N, C-alpha and C. Protein backbone atom coordinates (compact mmCIF):
# COMPACT_ATOMS: atom_id res chain seq x y z
N MET A 1 57.35 -66.18 15.66
CA MET A 1 57.02 -65.17 14.67
C MET A 1 55.65 -64.56 14.92
N GLN A 2 54.67 -65.43 15.24
CA GLN A 2 53.32 -64.93 15.49
C GLN A 2 53.27 -64.02 16.71
N SER A 3 54.07 -64.32 17.74
CA SER A 3 54.06 -63.47 18.93
C SER A 3 54.63 -62.09 18.62
N ILE A 4 55.62 -62.03 17.75
CA ILE A 4 56.20 -60.74 17.37
C ILE A 4 55.16 -59.92 16.60
N VAL A 5 54.44 -60.57 15.70
CA VAL A 5 53.40 -59.87 14.93
C VAL A 5 52.28 -59.41 15.86
N ALA A 6 51.90 -60.25 16.83
CA ALA A 6 50.83 -59.89 17.76
C ALA A 6 51.24 -58.72 18.65
N GLU A 7 52.49 -58.72 19.12
CA GLU A 7 52.97 -57.61 19.94
C GLU A 7 53.01 -56.32 19.14
N ARG A 8 53.46 -56.43 17.90
CA ARG A 8 53.53 -55.25 17.04
C ARG A 8 52.12 -54.72 16.74
N ALA A 9 51.17 -55.62 16.50
CA ALA A 9 49.79 -55.21 16.25
C ALA A 9 49.19 -54.54 17.48
N GLU A 10 49.48 -55.06 18.66
CA GLU A 10 48.97 -54.44 19.88
C GLU A 10 49.53 -53.04 20.07
N ARG A 11 50.83 -52.89 19.81
CA ARG A 11 51.46 -51.58 19.93
C ARG A 11 50.90 -50.60 18.90
N LEU A 12 50.72 -51.07 17.67
CA LEU A 12 50.17 -50.20 16.62
C LEU A 12 48.72 -49.82 16.90
N SER A 13 47.94 -50.73 17.47
CA SER A 13 46.54 -50.39 17.77
C SER A 13 46.46 -49.34 18.87
N LYS A 14 47.38 -49.39 19.84
CA LYS A 14 47.43 -48.35 20.86
C LYS A 14 47.81 -47.01 20.25
N HIS A 15 48.80 -47.03 19.37
CA HIS A 15 49.20 -45.79 18.68
C HIS A 15 48.07 -45.26 17.80
N ARG A 16 47.34 -46.16 17.17
CA ARG A 16 46.23 -45.76 16.31
C ARG A 16 45.13 -45.09 17.12
N ALA A 17 44.84 -45.61 18.30
CA ALA A 17 43.82 -45.01 19.16
C ALA A 17 44.23 -43.61 19.61
N ILE A 18 45.47 -43.48 20.04
CA ILE A 18 45.96 -42.17 20.48
C ILE A 18 45.99 -41.19 19.30
N ALA A 19 46.43 -41.67 18.15
CA ALA A 19 46.49 -40.81 16.96
C ALA A 19 45.10 -40.34 16.54
N ALA A 20 44.10 -41.19 16.66
CA ALA A 20 42.73 -40.81 16.30
C ALA A 20 42.24 -39.69 17.20
N ILE A 21 42.50 -39.81 18.48
CA ILE A 21 42.06 -38.77 19.42
C ILE A 21 42.79 -37.45 19.14
N ILE A 22 44.10 -37.53 18.93
CA ILE A 22 44.88 -36.33 18.67
C ILE A 22 44.48 -35.69 17.35
N MET A 23 44.31 -36.49 16.31
CA MET A 23 43.95 -35.93 15.00
C MET A 23 42.55 -35.31 15.03
N GLY A 24 41.63 -35.94 15.73
CA GLY A 24 40.29 -35.36 15.85
C GLY A 24 40.31 -34.03 16.59
N THR A 25 41.12 -33.96 17.63
CA THR A 25 41.23 -32.72 18.39
C THR A 25 41.91 -31.62 17.58
N ILE A 26 42.99 -31.98 16.89
CA ILE A 26 43.70 -31.00 16.06
C ILE A 26 42.79 -30.51 14.93
N LEU A 27 42.06 -31.43 14.32
CA LEU A 27 41.15 -31.03 13.24
C LEU A 27 40.09 -30.07 13.75
N ALA A 28 39.53 -30.34 14.93
CA ALA A 28 38.53 -29.44 15.50
C ALA A 28 39.13 -28.07 15.77
N ALA A 29 40.35 -28.05 16.30
CA ALA A 29 40.99 -26.76 16.60
C ALA A 29 41.30 -25.98 15.34
N THR A 30 41.81 -26.66 14.31
CA THR A 30 42.15 -25.94 13.08
C THR A 30 40.90 -25.47 12.35
N GLN A 31 39.83 -26.24 12.42
CA GLN A 31 38.61 -25.84 11.72
C GLN A 31 37.98 -24.62 12.37
N THR A 32 38.01 -24.55 13.68
CA THR A 32 37.43 -23.37 14.33
C THR A 32 38.27 -22.13 14.07
N GLN A 33 39.58 -22.28 13.91
CA GLN A 33 40.43 -21.13 13.63
C GLN A 33 40.30 -20.66 12.19
N ARG A 34 39.90 -21.54 11.28
CA ARG A 34 39.82 -21.19 9.87
C ARG A 34 38.50 -20.52 9.48
N MET A 35 37.55 -20.46 10.39
CA MET A 35 36.28 -19.81 10.09
C MET A 35 36.49 -18.29 10.12
N ASP A 36 36.11 -17.64 9.06
CA ASP A 36 36.20 -16.18 9.03
C ASP A 36 34.98 -15.63 8.30
N ALA A 37 34.99 -14.35 8.06
CA ALA A 37 33.82 -13.70 7.45
C ALA A 37 33.56 -14.17 6.03
N SER A 38 34.59 -14.61 5.32
CA SER A 38 34.39 -15.04 3.94
C SER A 38 34.06 -16.52 3.81
N GLY A 39 33.98 -17.23 4.92
CA GLY A 39 33.62 -18.64 4.88
C GLY A 39 34.84 -19.54 4.85
N ALA A 40 34.59 -20.80 4.58
CA ALA A 40 35.65 -21.79 4.56
C ALA A 40 36.50 -21.62 3.31
N GLY A 41 37.78 -21.44 3.50
CA GLY A 41 38.68 -21.27 2.37
C GLY A 41 39.25 -22.59 1.91
N PRO A 42 40.02 -22.56 0.84
CA PRO A 42 40.59 -23.81 0.32
C PRO A 42 41.59 -24.46 1.27
N ILE A 43 42.26 -23.66 2.09
CA ILE A 43 43.21 -24.23 3.05
C ILE A 43 42.47 -25.14 4.03
N THR A 44 41.30 -24.73 4.45
CA THR A 44 40.50 -25.53 5.38
C THR A 44 40.16 -26.88 4.78
N TRP A 45 39.74 -26.89 3.53
CA TRP A 45 39.37 -28.15 2.90
C TRP A 45 40.59 -29.03 2.66
N ILE A 46 41.72 -28.43 2.37
CA ILE A 46 42.95 -29.20 2.19
C ILE A 46 43.36 -29.85 3.50
N ILE A 47 43.28 -29.10 4.60
CA ILE A 47 43.62 -29.65 5.91
C ILE A 47 42.70 -30.82 6.25
N THR A 48 41.42 -30.65 6.02
CA THR A 48 40.46 -31.72 6.31
C THR A 48 40.78 -32.97 5.49
N GLY A 49 41.00 -32.79 4.21
CA GLY A 49 41.29 -33.94 3.35
C GLY A 49 42.58 -34.65 3.72
N VAL A 50 43.61 -33.88 4.03
CA VAL A 50 44.89 -34.47 4.39
C VAL A 50 44.78 -35.24 5.70
N VAL A 51 44.12 -34.68 6.70
CA VAL A 51 43.97 -35.37 7.98
C VAL A 51 43.22 -36.68 7.81
N VAL A 52 42.13 -36.66 7.09
CA VAL A 52 41.34 -37.88 6.89
C VAL A 52 42.13 -38.90 6.07
N ALA A 53 42.80 -38.47 5.02
CA ALA A 53 43.56 -39.41 4.18
C ALA A 53 44.71 -40.04 4.95
N ILE A 54 45.44 -39.25 5.71
CA ILE A 54 46.55 -39.79 6.50
C ILE A 54 46.04 -40.82 7.49
N PHE A 55 44.99 -40.49 8.19
CA PHE A 55 44.50 -41.43 9.19
C PHE A 55 43.99 -42.71 8.55
N LEU A 56 43.24 -42.61 7.46
CA LEU A 56 42.70 -43.80 6.82
C LEU A 56 43.81 -44.70 6.26
N LEU A 57 44.80 -44.11 5.63
CA LEU A 57 45.89 -44.91 5.08
C LEU A 57 46.75 -45.55 6.16
N TRP A 58 47.07 -44.77 7.18
CA TRP A 58 47.94 -45.28 8.23
C TRP A 58 47.20 -46.25 9.15
N ALA A 59 46.01 -45.90 9.57
CA ALA A 59 45.30 -46.71 10.56
C ALA A 59 44.77 -48.02 10.00
N SER A 60 44.50 -48.07 8.72
CA SER A 60 43.97 -49.32 8.15
C SER A 60 45.05 -50.37 7.99
N GLY A 61 46.31 -49.99 8.08
CA GLY A 61 47.40 -50.94 7.91
C GLY A 61 47.59 -51.33 6.46
N LEU A 62 47.23 -50.43 5.57
CA LEU A 62 47.27 -50.72 4.14
C LEU A 62 48.67 -51.12 3.67
N PHE A 63 49.70 -50.51 4.23
CA PHE A 63 51.06 -50.79 3.79
C PHE A 63 51.77 -51.79 4.71
N ARG A 64 51.01 -52.53 5.48
CA ARG A 64 51.57 -53.55 6.37
C ARG A 64 51.34 -54.93 5.76
N ASN A 65 52.00 -55.95 6.31
CA ASN A 65 51.78 -57.29 5.79
C ASN A 65 50.39 -57.79 6.19
N THR A 66 49.91 -58.81 5.52
CA THR A 66 48.52 -59.24 5.69
C THR A 66 48.24 -59.80 7.09
N ALA A 67 49.22 -60.46 7.70
CA ALA A 67 48.99 -61.00 9.05
C ALA A 67 48.79 -59.87 10.05
N LEU A 68 49.62 -58.86 9.95
CA LEU A 68 49.51 -57.71 10.85
C LEU A 68 48.21 -56.94 10.59
N ARG A 69 47.88 -56.77 9.34
CA ARG A 69 46.63 -56.07 8.99
C ARG A 69 45.41 -56.84 9.49
N GLY A 70 45.45 -58.15 9.43
CA GLY A 70 44.35 -58.96 9.93
C GLY A 70 44.16 -58.83 11.43
N ILE A 71 45.26 -58.76 12.15
CA ILE A 71 45.17 -58.60 13.61
C ILE A 71 44.72 -57.18 13.96
N LEU A 72 45.21 -56.19 13.24
CA LEU A 72 44.82 -54.80 13.51
C LEU A 72 43.33 -54.56 13.27
N ASN A 73 42.80 -55.17 12.24
CA ASN A 73 41.40 -54.95 11.87
C ASN A 73 40.54 -56.14 12.29
N ASP A 74 40.55 -56.45 13.56
CA ASP A 74 39.78 -57.57 14.09
C ASP A 74 38.33 -57.16 14.34
N GLU A 75 37.57 -58.07 14.96
CA GLU A 75 36.15 -57.80 15.19
C GLU A 75 35.93 -56.61 16.12
N GLY A 76 36.78 -56.47 17.12
CA GLY A 76 36.66 -55.33 18.04
C GLY A 76 36.86 -54.00 17.35
N SER A 77 37.83 -53.95 16.45
CA SER A 77 38.06 -52.72 15.68
C SER A 77 36.91 -52.44 14.74
N ASP A 78 36.34 -53.50 14.16
CA ASP A 78 35.18 -53.30 13.28
C ASP A 78 34.00 -52.73 14.05
N VAL A 79 33.78 -53.24 15.26
CA VAL A 79 32.69 -52.71 16.09
C VAL A 79 32.95 -51.26 16.45
N SER A 80 34.19 -50.96 16.84
CA SER A 80 34.54 -49.57 17.18
C SER A 80 34.39 -48.66 15.98
N ARG A 81 34.79 -49.14 14.81
CA ARG A 81 34.68 -48.34 13.59
C ARG A 81 33.22 -48.07 13.24
N ARG A 82 32.39 -49.11 13.31
CA ARG A 82 30.97 -48.92 13.01
C ARG A 82 30.31 -47.98 14.01
N ARG A 83 30.65 -48.12 15.27
CA ARG A 83 30.07 -47.26 16.30
C ARG A 83 30.50 -45.81 16.11
N SER A 84 31.76 -45.59 15.76
CA SER A 84 32.23 -44.22 15.57
C SER A 84 31.63 -43.61 14.31
N LEU A 85 31.45 -44.40 13.27
CA LEU A 85 30.77 -43.88 12.08
C LEU A 85 29.32 -43.51 12.38
N MET A 86 28.67 -44.32 13.20
CA MET A 86 27.29 -44.02 13.60
C MET A 86 27.24 -42.73 14.42
N ILE A 87 28.18 -42.58 15.34
CA ILE A 87 28.22 -41.37 16.16
C ILE A 87 28.49 -40.15 15.28
N GLY A 88 29.43 -40.27 14.35
CA GLY A 88 29.71 -39.16 13.44
C GLY A 88 28.50 -38.80 12.59
N PHE A 89 27.79 -39.81 12.10
CA PHE A 89 26.60 -39.57 11.28
C PHE A 89 25.52 -38.84 12.07
N TRP A 90 25.21 -39.31 13.27
CA TRP A 90 24.16 -38.67 14.07
C TRP A 90 24.58 -37.27 14.51
N ASN A 91 25.86 -37.07 14.78
CA ASN A 91 26.32 -35.72 15.12
C ASN A 91 26.22 -34.78 13.93
N MET A 92 26.47 -35.30 12.73
CA MET A 92 26.31 -34.47 11.53
C MET A 92 24.85 -34.09 11.33
N LEU A 93 23.95 -35.03 11.55
CA LEU A 93 22.52 -34.71 11.42
C LEU A 93 22.09 -33.68 12.45
N ALA A 94 22.53 -33.85 13.69
CA ALA A 94 22.17 -32.89 14.73
C ALA A 94 22.76 -31.51 14.42
N THR A 95 23.97 -31.48 13.91
CA THR A 95 24.60 -30.22 13.55
C THR A 95 23.87 -29.55 12.39
N ALA A 96 23.40 -30.34 11.44
CA ALA A 96 22.63 -29.77 10.33
C ALA A 96 21.34 -29.13 10.83
N VAL A 97 20.69 -29.77 11.79
CA VAL A 97 19.46 -29.19 12.37
C VAL A 97 19.79 -27.89 13.09
N VAL A 98 20.88 -27.88 13.84
CA VAL A 98 21.28 -26.67 14.56
C VAL A 98 21.63 -25.55 13.57
N CYS A 99 22.34 -25.90 12.50
CA CYS A 99 22.68 -24.89 11.48
C CYS A 99 21.42 -24.33 10.83
N TYR A 100 20.46 -25.18 10.58
CA TYR A 100 19.20 -24.72 10.00
C TYR A 100 18.49 -23.76 10.95
N ILE A 101 18.43 -24.12 12.22
CA ILE A 101 17.76 -23.26 13.20
C ILE A 101 18.50 -21.92 13.33
N LEU A 102 19.82 -21.97 13.27
CA LEU A 102 20.60 -20.73 13.42
C LEU A 102 20.44 -19.78 12.24
N THR A 103 19.95 -20.27 11.10
CA THR A 103 19.73 -19.36 9.96
C THR A 103 18.65 -18.34 10.27
N TYR A 104 17.78 -18.63 11.24
CA TYR A 104 16.77 -17.65 11.64
C TYR A 104 17.37 -16.55 12.49
N VAL A 105 18.53 -16.82 13.10
CA VAL A 105 19.18 -15.85 13.97
C VAL A 105 20.27 -15.08 13.21
N LYS A 106 21.09 -15.81 12.46
CA LYS A 106 22.24 -15.20 11.77
C LYS A 106 22.30 -15.76 10.36
N ASP A 107 22.56 -14.89 9.43
CA ASP A 107 22.67 -15.32 8.04
C ASP A 107 24.12 -15.68 7.74
N TYR A 108 24.33 -16.90 7.31
CA TYR A 108 25.66 -17.33 6.90
C TYR A 108 25.53 -18.21 5.67
N GLY A 109 26.65 -18.39 4.99
CA GLY A 109 26.62 -19.08 3.71
C GLY A 109 26.64 -20.60 3.83
N PRO A 110 26.38 -21.26 2.72
CA PRO A 110 26.38 -22.72 2.73
C PRO A 110 27.76 -23.32 2.98
N ARG A 111 28.81 -22.62 2.58
CA ARG A 111 30.15 -23.13 2.86
C ARG A 111 30.40 -23.26 4.35
N ASP A 112 29.97 -22.25 5.09
CA ASP A 112 30.14 -22.32 6.55
C ASP A 112 29.38 -23.50 7.14
N ALA A 113 28.14 -23.68 6.70
CA ALA A 113 27.33 -24.78 7.22
C ALA A 113 27.96 -26.13 6.88
N ILE A 114 28.42 -26.27 5.64
CA ILE A 114 29.04 -27.53 5.23
C ILE A 114 30.30 -27.79 6.04
N GLN A 115 31.10 -26.74 6.24
CA GLN A 115 32.33 -26.91 7.01
C GLN A 115 32.02 -27.32 8.44
N ILE A 116 31.05 -26.69 9.05
CA ILE A 116 30.70 -27.02 10.43
C ILE A 116 30.18 -28.46 10.52
N ILE A 117 29.28 -28.83 9.61
CA ILE A 117 28.69 -30.17 9.64
C ILE A 117 29.77 -31.24 9.43
N MET A 118 30.62 -31.05 8.43
CA MET A 118 31.68 -32.03 8.17
C MET A 118 32.67 -32.10 9.32
N SER A 119 33.05 -30.96 9.85
CA SER A 119 34.03 -30.94 10.94
C SER A 119 33.51 -31.65 12.17
N VAL A 120 32.28 -31.39 12.53
CA VAL A 120 31.69 -32.05 13.70
C VAL A 120 31.62 -33.55 13.49
N GLY A 121 31.18 -33.97 12.31
CA GLY A 121 31.06 -35.40 12.04
C GLY A 121 32.40 -36.12 12.03
N ILE A 122 33.37 -35.56 11.33
CA ILE A 122 34.68 -36.21 11.23
C ILE A 122 35.39 -36.21 12.58
N CYS A 123 35.37 -35.07 13.27
CA CYS A 123 36.04 -34.99 14.57
C CYS A 123 35.42 -35.93 15.58
N SER A 124 34.09 -35.97 15.64
CA SER A 124 33.45 -36.85 16.62
C SER A 124 33.68 -38.31 16.27
N ALA A 125 33.73 -38.66 14.98
CA ALA A 125 34.01 -40.04 14.59
C ALA A 125 35.44 -40.44 14.95
N LEU A 126 36.40 -39.56 14.68
CA LEU A 126 37.79 -39.86 15.01
C LEU A 126 37.99 -40.01 16.52
N ILE A 127 37.45 -39.07 17.27
CA ILE A 127 37.64 -39.10 18.72
C ILE A 127 36.92 -40.30 19.34
N SER A 128 35.71 -40.59 18.89
CA SER A 128 34.99 -41.74 19.46
C SER A 128 35.67 -43.06 19.09
N PHE A 129 36.25 -43.16 17.89
CA PHE A 129 36.99 -44.36 17.52
C PHE A 129 38.21 -44.53 18.42
N GLY A 130 38.95 -43.45 18.63
CA GLY A 130 40.12 -43.53 19.50
C GLY A 130 39.77 -43.91 20.92
N VAL A 131 38.72 -43.33 21.45
CA VAL A 131 38.30 -43.65 22.81
C VAL A 131 37.83 -45.10 22.90
N ALA A 132 37.07 -45.56 21.92
CA ALA A 132 36.59 -46.95 21.93
C ALA A 132 37.76 -47.94 21.84
N GLU A 133 38.74 -47.62 21.04
CA GLU A 133 39.92 -48.49 20.92
C GLU A 133 40.73 -48.50 22.22
N ARG A 134 40.83 -47.35 22.86
CA ARG A 134 41.56 -47.30 24.14
C ARG A 134 40.83 -48.10 25.21
N VAL A 135 39.52 -47.99 25.23
CA VAL A 135 38.74 -48.74 26.22
C VAL A 135 38.86 -50.24 25.97
N SER A 136 38.77 -50.66 24.71
CA SER A 136 38.86 -52.09 24.42
C SER A 136 40.27 -52.62 24.66
N ALA A 137 41.29 -51.80 24.53
CA ALA A 137 42.65 -52.24 24.80
C ALA A 137 42.88 -52.47 26.29
N ARG A 138 42.18 -51.74 27.12
CA ARG A 138 42.33 -51.89 28.57
C ARG A 138 41.61 -53.11 29.12
N GLN A 139 40.66 -53.63 28.37
CA GLN A 139 39.87 -54.77 28.87
C GLN A 139 40.53 -56.08 28.58
C-alpha cells in the first residue's frame, strides 16, 4: 500500500512541477495581453485569482488523503516553496522600483503598476517553484 501511495505522490509531484511552470507562463502571457490604455480590468484580476486559487488547491493536495499529502509536502517541497516565495518577493520589489523609475518617463495609473508588480511576483514564484521541483525530482 505504501509503495502505491509513494508512486502516486511521485507522479503527482512531477505533474505539479510541470503545472506550475505552465500556469506561470500562461499567467504572464494573459497579463501582458490584458494591459490596455484603461489599465487592468476586472477580467485580468479574475484570471489572476483563478490561476492562483486553482494551483494552491490542487498543488497542496488538500483533497487528497493525509498519507499522500504528507509525501507531497515533504522537506524538499517546503524548501522549494520558500525559495520560490523569496524569489517572487524580491522580483516584486525590483519591479516596484522599476515602475517608480518609469513614472518619470511615462505617466500610468496605479492599477497598471499593481498589475505589473503582482504579475511579475506570482509568475516568477510559480515558475521558480516548478523548476526547483523538476530539478529535485531528477536528483
